[in-house]
């Protein structure tokens, strides 16, 4: 009898241990189920209304058929010393030089024909100086919708054989190359359909900028891809820290939801937070101001 008691006790301990393990497993399943129920899957954020969109003058240079662009708010970026190169355009004949301190914004875009155009926001003094240099040269301009466009040497440091330059509204349009470069400038001057005329892009812009005056805004039209991403718009803004938003647009709310896990894993990576907002996916990251160069290079 004295030998049987320990065996019965051991059996009871084993049974109790199994019950405890079973309870813990059930509790874990319940917690997991409740967590999924409470969160409802991916985090969501309200969808901005395009009615809250405010157009800025620089947006008037971005045609609806653009493939990609990057807008730099030079006025705001001037708060970061030694971030941008001093000279923006330097041409020997005719003699034209424009420095970073003389422009308010810059846009680099890829036009409908896959040709790059640089657009520089300028003041009246720069406009007059460049216009006088072009008009005083012996170059016969071509005319794009009544605007004279000049065939000039490429800016110093470029390997291109030549470029086109014009003064258009309060900006300089510069594109390196031959006929395709002229066509790219012509498409900007002559466009009557802008990217931000479309409510979808207005909404994407509001998600990307959070309504803030941003350092940089970029856009990329995605080709056919396995994730069903239509386009990507990004922005960086902030004061004490730099907040970076990447917005991924999908054909529908249902496709965005279905692609959430795959895109987070394979495209977005280590964002600090990812949200669904209608047919858009928003990835959020935060950086110290010292990382401004890294942020600009990532957009």
Protein backbone atom coordinates (compact mmCIF):
# COMPACT_ATOMS: atom_id res chain seq x y z
CA UNK A 1 0.00 0.00 0.00
CA UNK A 2 2.77 2.33 0.83
CA UNK A 3 4.23 1.64 -2.60
CA UNK A 4 1.00 2.39 -4.44
CA UNK A 5 0.46 5.88 -3.02
CA UNK A 6 3.40 7.47 -4.82
CA UNK A 7 2.30 5.94 -8.08
CA UNK A 8 -1.24 7.29 -7.70
CA UNK A 9 0.15 10.71 -6.75
CA UNK A 10 2.37 10.72 -9.80
CA UNK A 11 -0.55 9.86 -12.02
CA UNK A 12 -2.63 12.64 -10.48
CA UNK A 13 0.22 15.15 -11.00
CA UNK A 14 0.55 14.08 -14.62
CA UNK A 15 -3.19 14.43 -15.14
CA UNK A 16 -3.23 17.88 -13.52
CA UNK A 17 -0.27 18.97 -15.64
CA UNK A 18 -2.10 17.86 -18.80
CA UNK A 19 -5.18 19.80 -17.69
CA UNK A 20 -3.09 22.92 -17.08
CA UNK A 21 -1.43 22.64 -20.50
CA UNK A 22 -4.82 22.09 -22.08
CA UNK A 23 -6.23 25.18 -20.35
CA UNK A 24 -3.26 27.27 -21.47
CA UNK A 25 -3.68 26.15 -25.08
CA UNK A 26 -7.40 26.92 -25.01
CA UNK A 27 -6.70 30.29 -23.39
CA UNK A 28 -4.16 31.08 -26.10
CA UNK A 29 -6.66 30.19 -28.79
CA UNK A 30 -9.36 32.30 -27.14
CA UNK A 31 -7.02 35.29 -26.78
CA UNK A 32 -5.93 34.91 -30.39
CA UNK A 33 -9.52 34.67 -31.59
CA UNK A 34 -10.64 37.65 -29.52
CA UNK A 35 -7.64 39.67 -30.77
CA UNK A 36 -8.56 39.00 -34.40
CA UNK A 37 -12.16 39.82 -33.66
CA UNK A 38 -11.30 43.08 -31.93
CA UNK A 39 -8.75 44.32 -34.48
CA UNK A 40 -10.76 43.17 -37.49
CA UNK A 41 -7.56 42.29 -39.39
CA UNK A 42 -5.30 45.05 -40.80
CA UNK A 43 -5.33 48.51 -39.23
CA UNK A 44 -7.38 51.09 -41.08
CA UNK A 45 -7.28 54.87 -41.35
CA UNK A 46 -10.03 57.19 -42.61
CA UNK A 47 -10.11 57.87 -46.34
CA UNK A 48 -9.53 61.59 -47.04
CA UNK A 49 -12.07 63.42 -49.18
CA UNK A 50 -10.76 64.90 -52.45
CA UNK A 51 -12.85 67.97 -51.56
CA UNK A 52 -10.18 68.80 -48.96
CA UNK A 53 -7.46 68.86 -51.60
CA UNK A 54 -5.66 72.15 -52.20
CA UNK A 55 -3.83 72.62 -55.51
CA UNK A 56 -0.38 74.26 -55.49
CA UNK A 57 1.17 76.11 -58.44
CA UNK A 58 3.81 73.41 -59.02
CA UNK A 59 1.08 70.87 -59.75
CA UNK A 60 0.24 72.77 -62.94
CA UNK A 61 3.43 71.36 -64.50
CA UNK A 62 2.51 67.68 -63.99
CA UNK A 63 0.55 66.25 -66.97
CA UNK A 64 -1.97 63.46 -66.47
CA UNK A 65 0.11 61.08 -68.62
CA UNK A 66 3.33 61.50 -66.61
CA UNK A 67 5.12 58.26 -65.71
CA UNK A 68 6.81 59.54 -62.59
CA UNK A 69 7.86 62.73 -60.87
CA UNK A 70 9.65 63.99 -57.78
CA UNK A 71 8.85 67.42 -56.36
CA UNK A 72 11.38 69.08 -54.04
CA UNK A 73 10.30 71.99 -51.88
CA UNK A 74 13.59 73.89 -52.07
CA UNK A 75 12.34 76.64 -49.76
CA UNK A 76 11.76 74.13 -46.94
CA UNK A 77 14.86 72.06 -47.71
CA UNK A 78 17.04 75.16 -47.37
CA UNK A 79 16.74 74.58 -43.62
CA UNK A 80 19.21 71.69 -44.07
CA UNK A 81 22.69 73.18 -44.75
CA UNK A 82 24.85 71.59 -47.46
CA UNK A 83 22.05 69.26 -48.54
CA UNK A 84 21.70 70.41 -52.16
CA UNK A 85 24.28 71.31 -54.79
CA UNK A 86 24.89 75.06 -55.15
CA UNK A 87 24.65 75.28 -58.95
CA UNK A 88 21.53 73.95 -60.66
CA UNK A 89 22.13 75.01 -64.29
CA UNK A 90 25.43 76.27 -65.71
CA UNK A 91 25.69 76.99 -69.47
CA UNK A 92 28.59 78.80 -71.12
CA UNK A 93 26.97 79.92 -74.41
CA UNK A 94 24.67 81.65 -73.90
CA UNK A 95 25.97 82.41 -70.43
CA UNK A 96 23.34 81.19 -67.99
CA UNK A 97 23.80 80.16 -64.39
CA UNK A 98 21.08 79.42 -61.86
CA UNK A 99 21.90 78.63 -58.24
CA UNK A 100 19.90 76.67 -55.70
CA UNK A 101 19.26 79.83 -53.66
CA UNK A 102 17.42 81.32 -56.64
CA UNK A 103 14.73 78.66 -57.00
CA UNK A 104 11.71 77.84 -54.85
CA UNK A 105 11.00 74.31 -56.06
CA UNK A 106 12.29 71.67 -58.41
CA UNK A 107 10.45 68.90 -60.25
CA UNK A 108 12.14 66.04 -62.06
CA UNK A 109 9.62 64.12 -64.13
CA UNK A 110 9.53 61.40 -66.76
CA UNK A 111 7.17 62.45 -69.54
CA UNK A 112 4.88 60.31 -71.70
CA UNK A 113 7.79 59.41 -74.01
CA UNK A 114 10.07 58.30 -71.16
CA UNK A 115 12.16 61.48 -71.44
CA UNK A 116 13.23 63.46 -68.38
CA UNK A 117 12.37 67.12 -67.81
CA UNK A 118 13.59 69.34 -64.96
CA UNK A 119 11.29 72.16 -63.89
CA UNK A 120 12.67 74.93 -61.69
CA UNK A 121 10.48 77.46 -59.91
CA UNK A 122 12.07 80.90 -60.24
CA UNK A 123 11.47 84.51 -59.29
CA UNK A 124 11.09 87.52 -61.57
CA UNK A 125 14.78 88.50 -61.52
CA UNK A 126 15.95 85.06 -62.66
CA UNK A 127 13.20 84.91 -65.25
CA UNK A 128 14.31 88.24 -66.74
CA UNK A 129 18.00 87.34 -66.65
CA UNK A 130 17.56 83.99 -68.41
CA UNK A 131 15.10 85.42 -70.94
CA UNK A 132 17.53 88.19 -71.86
CA UNK A 133 20.40 85.71 -72.28
CA UNK A 134 18.32 83.46 -74.55
CA UNK A 135 16.86 86.29 -76.62
CA UNK A 136 20.27 87.92 -76.96
CA UNK A 137 21.89 84.77 -78.32
CA UNK A 138 22.10 83.78 -81.98
CA UNK A 139 19.88 80.72 -81.36
CA UNK A 140 16.69 80.54 -83.40
CA UNK A 141 14.01 79.13 -81.10
CA UNK A 142 11.33 76.60 -81.86
CA UNK A 143 7.86 77.45 -80.59
CA UNK A 144 5.74 75.27 -78.35
CA UNK A 145 2.21 76.68 -78.13
CA UNK A 146 3.66 80.16 -78.57
CA UNK A 147 6.46 79.69 -76.04
CA UNK A 148 10.03 79.98 -77.43
CA UNK A 149 12.13 76.88 -76.68
CA UNK A 150 15.88 77.13 -77.26
CA UNK A 151 18.33 74.43 -78.32
CA UNK A 152 21.37 74.96 -76.08
CA UNK A 153 24.50 73.12 -74.92
CA UNK A 154 23.84 70.77 -72.01
CA UNK A 155 24.56 72.08 -68.54
CA UNK A 156 28.19 71.77 -67.43
CA UNK A 157 29.00 68.31 -66.13
CA UNK A 158 26.47 66.57 -68.37
CA UNK A 159 27.53 64.10 -71.05
CA UNK A 160 24.51 64.94 -73.26
CA UNK A 161 25.20 66.48 -76.67
CA UNK A 162 22.61 69.19 -76.14
CA UNK A 163 19.43 70.24 -74.38
CA UNK A 164 16.31 72.38 -74.67
CA UNK A 165 15.52 75.28 -72.34
CA UNK A 166 12.60 77.66 -72.05
CA UNK A 167 11.06 80.15 -69.67
CA UNK A 168 7.45 79.14 -69.04
CA UNK A 169 5.26 80.99 -66.55
CA UNK A 170 7.34 81.28 -63.37
CA UNK A 171 9.67 78.40 -64.15
CA UNK A 172 12.50 77.09 -66.30
CA UNK A 173 11.92 73.88 -68.29
CA UNK A 174 15.12 71.99 -69.13
CA UNK A 175 15.41 68.67 -70.96
CA UNK A 176 18.48 66.95 -72.37
CA UNK A 177 18.32 65.24 -75.76
CA UNK A 178 17.03 65.89 -79.27
CA UNK A 179 13.48 65.61 -80.63
CA UNK A 180 12.19 63.52 -77.71
CA UNK A 181 13.37 66.15 -75.25
CA UNK A 182 11.55 68.89 -77.13
CA UNK A 183 8.39 66.74 -77.27
CA UNK A 184 8.57 66.22 -73.51
CA UNK A 185 8.70 69.97 -72.89
CA UNK A 186 5.94 70.50 -75.44
CA UNK A 187 3.72 68.00 -73.59
CA UNK A 188 4.05 70.04 -70.38
CA UNK A 189 3.37 73.41 -72.00
CA UNK A 190 0.49 72.13 -74.09
CA UNK A 191 -1.27 69.87 -71.62
CA UNK A 192 -4.86 70.54 -70.70
CA UNK A 193 -5.18 67.52 -68.42
CA UNK A 194 -3.20 67.48 -65.19
CA UNK A 195 -2.48 64.54 -62.90
CA UNK A 196 -4.11 66.23 -59.94
CA UNK A 197 -7.34 66.89 -61.80
CA UNK A 198 -8.17 63.27 -60.92
CA UNK A 199 -9.84 62.63 -57.54
CA UNK A 200 -7.88 59.41 -57.06
CA UNK A 201 -4.57 61.31 -57.10
CA UNK A 202 -5.98 64.04 -54.89
CA UNK A 203 -6.86 61.41 -52.30
CA UNK A 204 -3.46 59.76 -52.64
CA UNK A 205 -1.75 63.12 -52.17
CA UNK A 206 -3.74 63.82 -48.99
CA UNK A 207 -2.78 60.40 -47.60
CA UNK A 208 0.86 60.85 -48.57
CA UNK A 209 1.29 64.35 -47.13
CA UNK A 210 -1.12 64.11 -44.23
CA UNK A 211 -2.19 67.60 -45.23
CA UNK A 212 1.29 68.95 -44.34
CA UNK A 213 3.62 71.18 -46.36
CA UNK A 214 6.10 68.51 -47.45
CA UNK A 215 9.82 68.49 -48.18
CA UNK A 216 9.32 66.12 -51.08
CA UNK A 217 6.47 64.42 -52.96
CA UNK A 218 7.02 61.66 -55.49
CA UNK A 219 4.85 59.58 -57.79
CA UNK A 220 5.50 56.42 -59.77
CA UNK A 221 3.12 54.71 -62.16
CA UNK A 222 3.55 50.98 -61.61
CA UNK A 223 3.71 48.66 -64.60
CA UNK A 224 1.88 45.33 -64.57
CA UNK A 225 2.89 43.53 -61.36
CA UNK A 226 1.87 40.53 -59.31
CA UNK A 227 0.65 42.73 -56.45
CA UNK A 228 -1.93 44.66 -58.53
CA UNK A 229 -0.41 48.00 -57.45
CA UNK A 230 -1.56 50.76 -59.82
CA UNK A 231 0.73 53.54 -58.61
CA UNK A 232 2.75 54.74 -55.64
CA UNK A 233 2.83 58.24 -54.16
CA UNK A 234 5.18 59.19 -51.33
CA UNK A 235 5.94 62.25 -49.23
CA UNK A 236 8.17 63.35 -46.37
CA UNK A 237 7.35 66.12 -43.90
CA UNK A 238 7.82 67.15 -40.29
CA UNK A 239 9.65 69.46 -37.89
CA UNK A 240 11.21 67.71 -34.88
CA UNK A 241 11.27 64.45 -36.86
CA UNK A 242 10.74 63.47 -40.49
CA UNK A 243 7.64 61.43 -41.24
CA UNK A 244 7.64 59.45 -44.47
CA UNK A 245 4.41 58.16 -46.03
CA UNK A 246 4.24 55.68 -48.91
CA UNK A 247 0.81 55.29 -50.49
CA UNK A 248 0.04 52.28 -52.69
CA UNK A 249 -3.03 52.53 -54.90
CA UNK A 250 -5.03 49.46 -55.98
CA UNK A 251 -7.89 49.06 -58.48
CA UNK A 252 -10.42 48.48 -55.69
CA UNK A 253 -10.92 48.26 -51.93
CA UNK A 254 -11.32 44.49 -52.20
CA UNK A 255 -8.01 44.02 -54.04
CA UNK A 256 -6.18 46.24 -51.55
CA UNK A 257 -7.51 44.14 -48.67
CA UNK A 258 -6.71 40.85 -50.40
CA UNK A 259 -3.15 41.95 -51.22
CA UNK A 260 -2.41 43.41 -47.78
CA UNK A 261 -0.32 40.61 -46.29
CA UNK A 262 1.60 39.93 -49.51
CA UNK A 263 2.47 43.58 -50.11
CA UNK A 264 3.50 44.15 -46.49
CA UNK A 265 5.80 41.12 -46.65
CA UNK A 266 7.30 41.59 -50.11
CA UNK A 267 7.11 45.31 -50.90
CA UNK A 268 6.74 47.47 -47.80
CA UNK A 269 9.08 45.60 -45.47
CA UNK A 270 9.85 47.11 -42.07
CA UNK A 271 7.52 50.10 -41.94
CA UNK A 272 6.59 51.15 -38.40
CA UNK A 273 2.89 50.99 -39.30
CA UNK A 274 0.75 50.00 -42.28
CA UNK A 275 -2.89 50.95 -42.79
CA UNK A 276 -5.67 50.25 -45.26
CA UNK A 277 -7.70 53.23 -46.41
CA UNK A 278 -10.28 52.33 -49.04
CA UNK A 279 -8.41 51.17 -52.14
CA UNK A 280 -5.11 52.50 -50.77
CA UNK A 281 -2.43 51.12 -48.47
CA UNK A 282 -0.43 53.56 -46.34
CA UNK A 283 3.01 52.74 -44.91
CA UNK A 284 4.42 55.08 -42.24
CA UNK A 285 8.03 55.55 -41.11
CA UNK A 286 9.74 58.14 -38.90
CA UNK A 287 13.34 59.37 -39.11
CA UNK A 288 15.49 61.89 -37.24
CA UNK A 289 16.16 65.15 -39.12
CA UNK A 290 19.78 64.06 -39.60
CA UNK A 291 18.52 61.36 -42.01
CA UNK A 292 17.01 63.85 -44.47
CA UNK A 293 19.45 62.87 -47.23
CA UNK A 294 18.58 59.19 -46.78
CA UNK A 295 14.87 59.98 -46.93
CA UNK A 296 15.24 62.03 -50.12
CA UNK A 297 17.21 59.25 -51.79
CA UNK A 298 14.48 56.74 -50.92
CA UNK A 299 11.77 58.72 -52.73
